[in-house]
């Protein structure tokens, strides 16, 4: 798998825009913008068509909600508090009919219905003593890449590559993992945006033979503690809509379901829909006390 995603920053006299070009997933995402909205949208659409993207994603602000609808976008999900406390809306537009169709939508509705019906239990049970929790450093990149290679044949970012993992650590991404014997068997990360004070909990992977100990719940709680210590209180995660287990873990930890991104990225053997989950870490302790 080869992912050549890149960031393109555009500055004109009328607008600023930060574009995330993602040819592997045939999509373009506008991560930030300022100035004249129409010009930023036109530039994003022009670039998307030039790059033969099938999907354009715009991280919109609340004050542009109606304008983006009027420009042909649809809102698929929301992240509460993403822009330093102000909500971010995933506005999406498609450039092919095939990308707009997915046969799993109704079964994924059923998964969400059954997940949110589960009684929340934030308590964490520590695993057997042969599991060791550790914060990943650059020295662990090789073993972490081996774990991701084993769990995901195809993944939206190049986590199979130790050099990519080292680069993300240098840029501030936090990884935690569980070691069993000498191998890493479960891992998760937090991609931190210190400017807007938010973080995406992502790259969640556990080897099938180690999935009965609730390792992921512990890793995500550990990441949350690190984020709070950095003053980051908006945490969100984007989980495979077909994965009952991962969605259930997020619900159990007090995350709220906030919508579904259609045909968002390639995982395993196909384009997958992704559920958006959000948690205000500042309110999390309060929620525990009143449980």
C-alpha atoms as a PDB file:
ATOM      1  CA  UNK A   1       0.000   0.000   0.000  1.00  0.00           C
ATOM      2  CA  UNK A   2       1.320   3.443  -0.918  1.00  0.00           C
ATOM      3  CA  UNK A   3      -0.218   6.644   0.336  1.00  0.00           C
ATOM      4  CA  UNK A   4       1.180   9.902  -0.993  1.00  0.00           C
ATOM      5  CA  UNK A   5      -1.097  12.289   0.916  1.00  0.00           C
ATOM      6  CA  UNK A   6       0.146  15.871   1.119  1.00  0.00           C
ATOM      7  CA  UNK A   7      -0.851  19.268   2.509  1.00  0.00           C
ATOM      8  CA  UNK A   8      -1.209  22.258   0.194  1.00  0.00           C
ATOM      9  CA  UNK A   9      -1.512  25.756   1.666  1.00  0.00           C
ATOM     10  CA  UNK A  10      -3.055  28.414  -0.565  1.00  0.00           C
ATOM     11  CA  UNK A  11      -2.898  32.147   0.108  1.00  0.00           C
ATOM     12  CA  UNK A  12      -4.465  34.759  -2.179  1.00  0.00           C
ATOM     13  CA  UNK A  13      -5.612  38.322  -1.560  1.00  0.00           C
ATOM     14  CA  UNK A  14      -9.169  37.034  -0.902  1.00  0.00           C
ATOM     15  CA  UNK A  15      -8.766  33.796   1.075  1.00  0.00           C
ATOM     16  CA  UNK A  16      -6.531  31.283   2.830  1.00  0.00           C
ATOM     17  CA  UNK A  17      -7.063  27.531   2.577  1.00  0.00           C
ATOM     18  CA  UNK A  18      -5.281  24.425   3.802  1.00  0.00           C
ATOM     19  CA  UNK A  19      -5.984  21.438   1.548  1.00  0.00           C
ATOM     20  CA  UNK A  20      -5.242  17.819   2.444  1.00  0.00           C
ATOM     21  CA  UNK A  21      -4.722  15.941  -0.838  1.00  0.00           C
ATOM     22  CA  UNK A  22      -5.334  12.216  -0.441  1.00  0.00           C
ATOM     23  CA  UNK A  23      -4.985  10.422  -3.816  1.00  0.00           C
ATOM     24  CA  UNK A  24      -5.015   6.940  -2.250  1.00  0.00           C
ATOM     25  CA  UNK A  25      -8.550   7.502  -0.938  1.00  0.00           C
ATOM     26  CA  UNK A  26      -9.502   9.627  -3.981  1.00  0.00           C
ATOM     27  CA  UNK A  27     -10.559  12.539  -1.807  1.00  0.00           C
ATOM     28  CA  UNK A  28      -9.598  16.090  -0.920  1.00  0.00           C
ATOM     29  CA  UNK A  29     -10.249  17.657   2.484  1.00  0.00           C
ATOM     30  CA  UNK A  30     -10.258  21.373   3.325  1.00  0.00           C
ATOM     31  CA  UNK A  31      -8.908  21.393   6.887  1.00  0.00           C
ATOM     32  CA  UNK A  32      -8.855  25.151   7.421  1.00  0.00           C
ATOM     33  CA  UNK A  33      -9.968  28.301   5.649  1.00  0.00           C
ATOM     34  CA  UNK A  34     -10.398  32.051   6.137  1.00  0.00           C
ATOM     35  CA  UNK A  35     -11.549  34.967   4.009  1.00  0.00           C
ATOM     36  CA  UNK A  36     -13.971  34.721   1.102  1.00  0.00           C
ATOM     37  CA  UNK A  37     -15.742  31.356   1.410  1.00  0.00           C
ATOM     38  CA  UNK A  38     -16.897  31.140  -2.232  1.00  0.00           C
ATOM     39  CA  UNK A  39     -13.337  31.553  -3.513  1.00  0.00           C
ATOM     40  CA  UNK A  40     -12.007  28.905  -1.115  1.00  0.00           C
ATOM     41  CA  UNK A  41     -14.743  26.470  -2.215  1.00  0.00           C
ATOM     42  CA  UNK A  42     -14.105  27.112  -5.918  1.00  0.00           C
ATOM     43  CA  UNK A  43     -10.382  26.532  -5.479  1.00  0.00           C
ATOM     44  CA  UNK A  44     -11.045  23.293  -3.559  1.00  0.00           C
ATOM     45  CA  UNK A  45     -13.469  22.053  -6.253  1.00  0.00           C
ATOM     46  CA  UNK A  46     -11.036  22.947  -9.033  1.00  0.00           C
ATOM     47  CA  UNK A  47      -8.184  21.111  -7.274  1.00  0.00           C
ATOM     48  CA  UNK A  48     -10.403  18.088  -6.508  1.00  0.00           C
ATOM     49  CA  UNK A  49     -11.403  17.719 -10.169  1.00  0.00           C
ATOM     50  CA  UNK A  50      -7.834  18.267 -11.340  1.00  0.00           C
ATOM     51  CA  UNK A  51      -6.661  15.500  -8.959  1.00  0.00           C
ATOM     52  CA  UNK A  52      -9.560  13.236 -10.081  1.00  0.00           C
ATOM     53  CA  UNK A  53     -10.964  13.083  -6.557  1.00  0.00           C
ATOM     54  CA  UNK A  54     -14.354  11.438  -6.053  1.00  0.00           C
ATOM     55  CA  UNK A  55     -15.115  13.122  -2.718  1.00  0.00           C
ATOM     56  CA  UNK A  56     -14.541  16.636  -1.361  1.00  0.00           C
ATOM     57  CA  UNK A  57     -14.716  17.167   2.410  1.00  0.00           C
ATOM     58  CA  UNK A  58     -14.930  20.655   3.907  1.00  0.00           C
ATOM     59  CA  UNK A  59     -14.355  21.172   7.644  1.00  0.00           C
ATOM     60  CA  UNK A  60     -16.989  23.897   7.908  1.00  0.00           C
ATOM     61  CA  UNK A  61     -17.774  26.340  10.703  1.00  0.00           C
ATOM     62  CA  UNK A  62     -21.221  27.050  12.099  1.00  0.00           C
ATOM     63  CA  UNK A  63     -21.368  30.550  10.571  1.00  0.00           C
ATOM     64  CA  UNK A  64     -20.940  29.019   7.078  1.00  0.00           C
ATOM     65  CA  UNK A  65     -23.498  26.216   7.549  1.00  0.00           C
ATOM     66  CA  UNK A  66     -26.232  27.627   5.273  1.00  0.00           C
ATOM     67  CA  UNK A  67     -23.750  28.920   2.701  1.00  0.00           C
ATOM     68  CA  UNK A  68     -22.125  25.499   2.277  1.00  0.00           C
ATOM     69  CA  UNK A  69     -25.546  23.844   1.893  1.00  0.00           C
ATOM     70  CA  UNK A  70     -26.364  26.444  -0.766  1.00  0.00           C
ATOM     71  CA  UNK A  71     -23.135  25.526  -2.592  1.00  0.00           C
ATOM     72  CA  UNK A  72     -24.213  21.895  -2.951  1.00  0.00           C
ATOM     73  CA  UNK A  73     -22.564  20.329   0.084  1.00  0.00           C
ATOM     74  CA  UNK A  74     -24.276  17.966   2.521  1.00  0.00           C
ATOM     75  CA  UNK A  75     -23.470  17.845   6.222  1.00  0.00           C
ATOM     76  CA  UNK A  76     -22.573  14.273   7.210  1.00  0.00           C
ATOM     77  CA  UNK A  77     -21.255  14.708  10.781  1.00  0.00           C
ATOM     78  CA  UNK A  78     -20.203  17.201  13.444  1.00  0.00           C
ATOM     79  CA  UNK A  79     -17.350  17.509  15.955  1.00  0.00           C
ATOM     80  CA  UNK A  80     -18.417  19.553  18.981  1.00  0.00           C
ATOM     81  CA  UNK A  81     -15.812  22.090  20.078  1.00  0.00           C
ATOM     82  CA  UNK A  82     -13.265  21.332  17.322  1.00  0.00           C
ATOM     83  CA  UNK A  83     -12.272  24.953  16.578  1.00  0.00           C
ATOM     84  CA  UNK A  84     -11.207  26.022  20.119  1.00  0.00           C
ATOM     85  CA  UNK A  85     -14.685  25.350  21.439  1.00  0.00           C
ATOM     86  CA  UNK A  86     -16.697  26.056  18.269  1.00  0.00           C
ATOM     87  CA  UNK A  87     -18.241  23.144  16.338  1.00  0.00           C
ATOM     88  CA  UNK A  88     -16.831  21.733  13.092  1.00  0.00           C
ATOM     89  CA  UNK A  89     -19.191  20.315  10.450  1.00  0.00           C
ATOM     90  CA  UNK A  90     -18.148  17.738   7.853  1.00  0.00           C
ATOM     91  CA  UNK A  91     -19.619  19.097   4.614  1.00  0.00           C
ATOM     92  CA  UNK A  92     -19.218  16.683   1.709  1.00  0.00           C
ATOM     93  CA  UNK A  93     -19.659  16.745  -2.044  1.00  0.00           C
ATOM     94  CA  UNK A  94     -19.288  13.855  -4.509  1.00  0.00           C
ATOM     95  CA  UNK A  95     -18.003  13.792  -8.078  1.00  0.00           C
ATOM     96  CA  UNK A  96     -19.121  10.266  -9.031  1.00  0.00           C
ATOM     97  CA  UNK A  97     -22.401   8.396  -8.542  1.00  0.00           C
ATOM     98  CA  UNK A  98     -20.526   5.251  -7.441  1.00  0.00           C
ATOM     99  CA  UNK A  99     -18.884   7.101  -4.539  1.00  0.00           C
ATOM    100  CA  UNK A 100     -22.333   8.286  -3.398  1.00  0.00           C
ATOM    101  CA  UNK A 101     -23.757   4.734  -3.051  1.00  0.00           C
ATOM    102  CA  UNK A 102     -23.086   2.227  -0.274  1.00  0.00           C
ATOM    103  CA  UNK A 103     -24.924  -1.078   0.368  1.00  0.00           C
ATOM    104  CA  UNK A 104     -24.209  -1.203   4.130  1.00  0.00           C
ATOM    105  CA  UNK A 105     -26.006   1.944   5.343  1.00  0.00           C
ATOM    106  CA  UNK A 106     -29.083   0.276   6.870  1.00  0.00           C
ATOM    107  CA  UNK A 107     -27.126  -2.509   8.599  1.00  0.00           C
ATOM    108  CA  UNK A 108     -24.797   0.182  10.014  1.00  0.00           C
ATOM    109  CA  UNK A 109     -27.873   2.045  11.317  1.00  0.00           C
ATOM    110  CA  UNK A 110     -28.772  -1.141  13.203  1.00  0.00           C
ATOM    111  CA  UNK A 111     -25.240  -1.416  14.626  1.00  0.00           C
ATOM    112  CA  UNK A 112     -25.422   2.164  15.966  1.00  0.00           C
ATOM    113  CA  UNK A 113     -28.884   1.573  17.430  1.00  0.00           C
ATOM    114  CA  UNK A 114     -27.658  -1.505  19.308  1.00  0.00           C
ATOM    115  CA  UNK A 115     -24.384   0.176  20.400  1.00  0.00           C
ATOM    116  CA  UNK A 116     -26.046   3.238  21.960  1.00  0.00           C
ATOM    117  CA  UNK A 117     -28.537   0.968  23.755  1.00  0.00           C
ATOM    118  CA  UNK A 118     -25.675  -0.593  25.757  1.00  0.00           C
ATOM    119  CA  UNK A 119     -25.506   0.641  29.341  1.00  0.00           C
ATOM    120  CA  UNK A 120     -22.363   2.718  29.756  1.00  0.00           C
ATOM    121  CA  UNK A 121     -19.691   1.334  32.027  1.00  0.00           C
ATOM    122  CA  UNK A 122     -16.528   3.477  32.056  1.00  0.00           C
ATOM    123  CA  UNK A 123     -14.792   1.224  34.598  1.00  0.00           C
ATOM    124  CA  UNK A 124     -11.588  -0.310  33.298  1.00  0.00           C
ATOM    125  CA  UNK A 125     -10.404  -3.771  34.326  1.00  0.00           C
ATOM    126  CA  UNK A 126      -6.633  -4.153  34.087  1.00  0.00           C
ATOM    127  CA  UNK A 127      -5.476  -7.075  31.925  1.00  0.00           C
ATOM    128  CA  UNK A 128      -3.324 -10.029  33.116  1.00  0.00           C
ATOM    129  CA  UNK A 129       0.191  -9.150  34.268  1.00  0.00           C
ATOM    130  CA  UNK A 130       1.855 -10.413  31.074  1.00  0.00           C
ATOM    131  CA  UNK A 131       0.493  -7.310  29.319  1.00  0.00           C
ATOM    132  CA  UNK A 132       2.734  -4.275  29.721  1.00  0.00           C
ATOM    133  CA  UNK A 133       1.448  -0.772  28.914  1.00  0.00           C
ATOM    134  CA  UNK A 134       3.984   1.552  27.295  1.00  0.00           C
ATOM    135  CA  UNK A 135       4.225   4.922  25.593  1.00  0.00           C
ATOM    136  CA  UNK A 136       5.710   4.430  22.143  1.00  0.00           C
ATOM    137  CA  UNK A 137       8.991   6.149  21.226  1.00  0.00           C
ATOM    138  CA  UNK A 138      10.784   6.263  17.887  1.00  0.00           C
ATOM    139  CA  UNK A 139      12.718   3.148  18.948  1.00  0.00           C
ATOM    140  CA  UNK A 140       9.431   1.172  18.906  1.00  0.00           C
ATOM    141  CA  UNK A 141       8.420   2.258  15.384  1.00  0.00           C
ATOM    142  CA  UNK A 142       9.509  -1.002  13.729  1.00  0.00           C
ATOM    143  CA  UNK A 143       7.420  -3.178  16.079  1.00  0.00           C
ATOM    144  CA  UNK A 144       4.433  -0.831  15.871  1.00  0.00           C
ATOM    145  CA  UNK A 145       4.516  -0.930  12.060  1.00  0.00           C
ATOM    146  CA  UNK A 146       4.599  -4.754  12.256  1.00  0.00           C
ATOM    147  CA  UNK A 147       1.420  -4.722  14.388  1.00  0.00           C
ATOM    148  CA  UNK A 148      -0.388  -2.450  11.909  1.00  0.00           C
ATOM    149  CA  UNK A 149       0.769  -4.602   8.976  1.00  0.00           C
ATOM    150  CA  UNK A 150      -0.733  -7.655  10.651  1.00  0.00           C
ATOM    151  CA  UNK A 151      -4.080  -6.042  11.556  1.00  0.00           C
ATOM    152  CA  UNK A 152      -4.653  -3.926   8.428  1.00  0.00           C
ATOM    153  CA  UNK A 153      -3.712  -5.042   4.924  1.00  0.00           C
ATOM    154  CA  UNK A 154      -5.034  -1.702   3.641  1.00  0.00           C
ATOM    155  CA  UNK A 155      -5.226   1.454   5.740  1.00  0.00           C
ATOM    156  CA  UNK A 156      -5.884   5.138   4.950  1.00  0.00           C
ATOM    157  CA  UNK A 157      -2.448   6.255   6.224  1.00  0.00           C
ATOM    158  CA  UNK A 158       0.959   4.543   5.728  1.00  0.00           C
ATOM    159  CA  UNK A 159       1.271   3.059   9.221  1.00  0.00           C
ATOM    160  CA  UNK A 160       2.992   0.009   7.745  1.00  0.00           C
ATOM    161  CA  UNK A 161       6.079   2.197   7.343  1.00  0.00           C
ATOM    162  CA  UNK A 162       8.260   2.762  10.468  1.00  0.00           C
ATOM    163  CA  UNK A 163       9.631   6.000   8.957  1.00  0.00           C
ATOM    164  CA  UNK A 164       6.098   7.406   8.772  1.00  0.00           C
ATOM    165  CA  UNK A 165       5.455   6.479  12.427  1.00  0.00           C
ATOM    166  CA  UNK A 166       8.703   8.205  13.492  1.00  0.00           C
ATOM    167  CA  UNK A 167       7.711  11.322  11.538  1.00  0.00           C
ATOM    168  CA  UNK A 168       4.276  11.476  13.241  1.00  0.00           C
ATOM    169  CA  UNK A 169       5.892  11.096  16.699  1.00  0.00           C
ATOM    170  CA  UNK A 170       8.225  14.013  15.886  1.00  0.00           C
ATOM    171  CA  UNK A 171       5.153  16.046  14.859  1.00  0.00           C
ATOM    172  CA  UNK A 172       3.439  15.435  18.211  1.00  0.00           C
ATOM    173  CA  UNK A 173       1.307  12.311  17.702  1.00  0.00           C
ATOM    174  CA  UNK A 174       1.101  10.248  20.915  1.00  0.00           C
ATOM    175  CA  UNK A 175       1.056   6.434  20.726  1.00  0.00           C
ATOM    176  CA  UNK A 176       0.358   3.960  23.510  1.00  0.00           C
ATOM    177  CA  UNK A 177       0.542   0.201  23.168  1.00  0.00           C
ATOM    178  CA  UNK A 178       0.416  -3.068  25.080  1.00  0.00           C
ATOM    179  CA  UNK A 179       3.371  -5.438  24.872  1.00  0.00           C
ATOM    180  CA  UNK A 180       2.960  -9.180  25.338  1.00  0.00           C
ATOM    181  CA  UNK A 181       6.193 -11.191  25.485  1.00  0.00           C
ATOM    182  CA  UNK A 182       8.304  -9.163  23.077  1.00  0.00           C
ATOM    183  CA  UNK A 183       5.577  -8.146  20.620  1.00  0.00           C
ATOM    184  CA  UNK A 184       3.173  -5.225  20.501  1.00  0.00           C
ATOM    185  CA  UNK A 185      -0.368  -6.637  20.450  1.00  0.00           C
ATOM    186  CA  UNK A 186      -2.578  -3.549  20.789  1.00  0.00           C
ATOM    187  CA  UNK A 187      -2.047   0.145  20.016  1.00  0.00           C
ATOM    188  CA  UNK A 188      -3.800   3.480  19.572  1.00  0.00           C
ATOM    189  CA  UNK A 189      -2.735   7.050  18.912  1.00  0.00           C
ATOM    190  CA  UNK A 190      -3.826  10.656  19.411  1.00  0.00           C
ATOM    191  CA  UNK A 191      -3.155  13.135  16.600  1.00  0.00           C
ATOM    192  CA  UNK A 192      -2.987  16.457  18.414  1.00  0.00           C
ATOM    193  CA  UNK A 193      -3.907  19.853  16.940  1.00  0.00           C
ATOM    194  CA  UNK A 194      -2.493  22.271  19.511  1.00  0.00           C
ATOM    195  CA  UNK A 195      -3.644  25.369  17.598  1.00  0.00           C
ATOM    196  CA  UNK A 196      -7.343  24.452  17.748  1.00  0.00           C
ATOM    197  CA  UNK A 197      -6.973  22.361  20.933  1.00  0.00           C
ATOM    198  CA  UNK A 198      -8.429  19.106  19.610  1.00  0.00           C
ATOM    199  CA  UNK A 199      -7.204  15.563  19.052  1.00  0.00           C
ATOM    200  CA  UNK A 200      -8.275  12.597  16.977  1.00  0.00           C
ATOM    201  CA  UNK A 201      -7.999   9.231  18.716  1.00  0.00           C
ATOM    202  CA  UNK A 202      -7.111   6.893  15.892  1.00  0.00           C
ATOM    203  CA  UNK A 203      -5.016   3.984  14.580  1.00  0.00           C
ATOM    204  CA  UNK A 204      -6.755   1.572  16.983  1.00  0.00           C
ATOM    205  CA  UNK A 205      -5.549  -1.977  16.398  1.00  0.00           C
ATOM    206  CA  UNK A 206      -5.538  -5.168  18.485  1.00  0.00           C
ATOM    207  CA  UNK A 207      -4.463  -8.611  17.306  1.00  0.00           C
ATOM    208  CA  UNK A 208      -7.538 -10.906  17.224  1.00  0.00           C
ATOM    209  CA  UNK A 209      -6.089 -13.353  19.781  1.00  0.00           C
ATOM    210  CA  UNK A 210      -5.749 -10.524  22.356  1.00  0.00           C
ATOM    211  CA  UNK A 211      -9.165  -8.900  21.991  1.00  0.00           C
ATOM    212  CA  UNK A 212     -10.816 -10.363  25.091  1.00  0.00           C
ATOM    213  CA  UNK A 213      -9.016  -8.229  27.702  1.00  0.00           C
ATOM    214  CA  UNK A 214     -10.442  -4.765  26.948  1.00  0.00           C
ATOM    215  CA  UNK A 215      -7.007  -3.396  26.022  1.00  0.00           C
ATOM    216  CA  UNK A 216      -8.322  -0.667  23.713  1.00  0.00           C
ATOM    217  CA  UNK A 217     -10.425   0.917  26.443  1.00  0.00           C
ATOM    218  CA  UNK A 218      -7.320   1.255  28.642  1.00  0.00           C
ATOM    219  CA  UNK A 219      -5.214   2.710  25.804  1.00  0.00           C
ATOM    220  CA  UNK A 220      -7.844   5.339  24.958  1.00  0.00           C
ATOM    221  CA  UNK A 221      -8.189   6.361  28.616  1.00  0.00           C
ATOM    222  CA  UNK A 222      -4.407   6.726  28.854  1.00  0.00           C
ATOM    223  CA  UNK A 223      -4.381   8.926  25.724  1.00  0.00           C
ATOM    224  CA  UNK A 224      -7.188  11.063  27.179  1.00  0.00           C
ATOM    225  CA  UNK A 225      -5.117  11.723  30.322  1.00  0.00           C
ATOM    226  CA  UNK A 226      -2.169  12.857  28.196  1.00  0.00           C
ATOM    227  CA  UNK A 227      -4.430  15.178  26.166  1.00  0.00           C
ATOM    228  CA  UNK A 228      -5.933  16.798  29.259  1.00  0.00           C
ATOM    229  CA  UNK A 229      -2.429  17.465  30.596  1.00  0.00           C
ATOM    230  CA  UNK A 230      -1.770  19.435  27.363  1.00  0.00           C
ATOM    231  CA  UNK A 231      -4.999  21.427  27.732  1.00  0.00           C
ATOM    232  CA  UNK A 232      -6.713  19.541  24.897  1.00  0.00           C
ATOM    233  CA  UNK A 233     -10.344  18.808  25.783  1.00  0.00           C
ATOM    234  CA  UNK A 234     -12.004  18.141  22.400  1.00  0.00           C
ATOM    235  CA  UNK A 235     -11.409  14.460  21.636  1.00  0.00           C
ATOM    236  CA  UNK A 236     -12.954  12.689  18.674  1.00  0.00           C
ATOM    237  CA  UNK A 237     -12.616   9.395  16.904  1.00  0.00           C
ATOM    238  CA  UNK A 238     -13.688   8.113  13.491  1.00  0.00           C
ATOM    239  CA  UNK A 239     -14.524   4.392  13.632  1.00  0.00           C
ATOM    240  CA  UNK A 240     -15.428   1.856  10.954  1.00  0.00           C
ATOM    241  CA  UNK A 241     -19.223   1.867  10.811  1.00  0.00           C
ATOM    242  CA  UNK A 242     -19.250  -1.932  10.344  1.00  0.00           C
ATOM    243  CA  UNK A 243     -17.200  -2.540  13.514  1.00  0.00           C
ATOM    244  CA  UNK A 244     -19.562  -3.212  16.427  1.00  0.00           C
ATOM    245  CA  UNK A 245     -16.627  -3.625  18.850  1.00  0.00           C
ATOM    246  CA  UNK A 246     -14.855  -0.326  18.216  1.00  0.00           C
ATOM    247  CA  UNK A 247     -18.086   1.692  18.246  1.00  0.00           C
ATOM    248  CA  UNK A 248     -19.098  -0.026  21.487  1.00  0.00           C
ATOM    249  CA  UNK A 249     -15.729   0.856  23.114  1.00  0.00           C
ATOM    250  CA  UNK A 250     -16.207   4.551  22.248  1.00  0.00           C
ATOM    251  CA  UNK A 251     -19.783   4.553  23.553  1.00  0.00           C
ATOM    252  CA  UNK A 252     -18.641   2.871  26.785  1.00  0.00           C
ATOM    253  CA  UNK A 253     -16.011   5.560  27.293  1.00  0.00           C
ATOM    254  CA  UNK A 254     -18.624   8.317  27.115  1.00  0.00           C
ATOM    255  CA  UNK A 255     -18.232   9.397  23.477  1.00  0.00           C
ATOM    256  CA  UNK A 256     -21.357  10.603  21.629  1.00  0.00           C
ATOM    257  CA  UNK A 257     -22.268   9.503  18.097  1.00  0.00           C
ATOM    258  CA  UNK A 258     -22.254  12.498  15.742  1.00  0.00           C
ATOM    259  CA  UNK A 259     -22.901  11.151  12.242  1.00  0.00           C
ATOM    260  CA  UNK A 260     -21.449   8.937   9.505  1.00  0.00           C
ATOM    261  CA  UNK A 261     -19.033   9.771   6.698  1.00  0.00           C
ATOM    262  CA  UNK A 262     -20.066   7.972   3.507  1.00  0.00           C
ATOM    263  CA  UNK A 263     -17.469   5.951   1.557  1.00  0.00           C
ATOM    264  CA  UNK A 264     -14.791   7.861   3.392  1.00  0.00           C
ATOM    265  CA  UNK A 265     -11.626   5.777   3.023  1.00  0.00           C
ATOM    266  CA  UNK A 266     -10.197   2.409   2.016  1.00  0.00           C
ATOM    267  CA  UNK A 267      -9.762  -0.074   4.880  1.00  0.00           C
ATOM    268  CA  UNK A 268      -9.207  -3.800   4.329  1.00  0.00           C
ATOM    269  CA  UNK A 269     -10.602  -4.468   0.844  1.00  0.00           C
ATOM    270  CA  UNK A 270     -13.099  -1.661   0.194  1.00  0.00           C
ATOM    271  CA  UNK A 271     -14.283   1.884   0.747  1.00  0.00           C
ATOM    272  CA  UNK A 272     -15.873   2.095   4.171  1.00  0.00           C
ATOM    273  CA  UNK A 273     -18.346   4.363   5.931  1.00  0.00           C
ATOM    274  CA  UNK A 274     -16.949   5.871   9.124  1.00  0.00           C
ATOM    275  CA  UNK A 275     -18.818   6.875  12.300  1.00  0.00           C
ATOM    276  CA  UNK A 276     -17.820  10.087  14.079  1.00  0.00           C
ATOM    277  CA  UNK A 277     -17.695  10.038  17.918  1.00  0.00           C
ATOM    278  CA  UNK A 278     -16.974  13.062  20.125  1.00  0.00           C
ATOM    279  CA  UNK A 279     -16.177  13.624  23.813  1.00  0.00           C
ATOM    280  CA  UNK A 280     -15.602  16.749  25.884  1.00  0.00           C
ATOM    281  CA  UNK A 281     -12.756  15.680  28.179  1.00  0.00           C
ATOM    282  CA  UNK A 282     -13.376  18.647  30.483  1.00  0.00           C
ATOM    283  CA  UNK A 283     -16.848  17.299  31.240  1.00  0.00           C
ATOM    284  CA  UNK A 284     -15.746  13.660  31.467  1.00  0.00           C
ATOM    285  CA  UNK A 285     -14.939  13.660  35.185  1.00  0.00           C
ATOM    286  CA  UNK A 286     -18.251  15.313  35.995  1.00  0.00           C
ATOM    287  CA  UNK A 287     -20.052  12.646  33.940  1.00  0.00           C
ATOM    288  CA  UNK A 288     -18.339   9.905  35.973  1.00  0.00           C
ATOM    289  CA  UNK A 289     -19.371  11.419  39.304  1.00  0.00           C
ATOM    290  CA  UNK A 290     -23.065  11.594  38.376  1.00  0.00           C
ATOM    291  CA  UNK A 291     -23.190   8.150  36.766  1.00  0.00           C
END
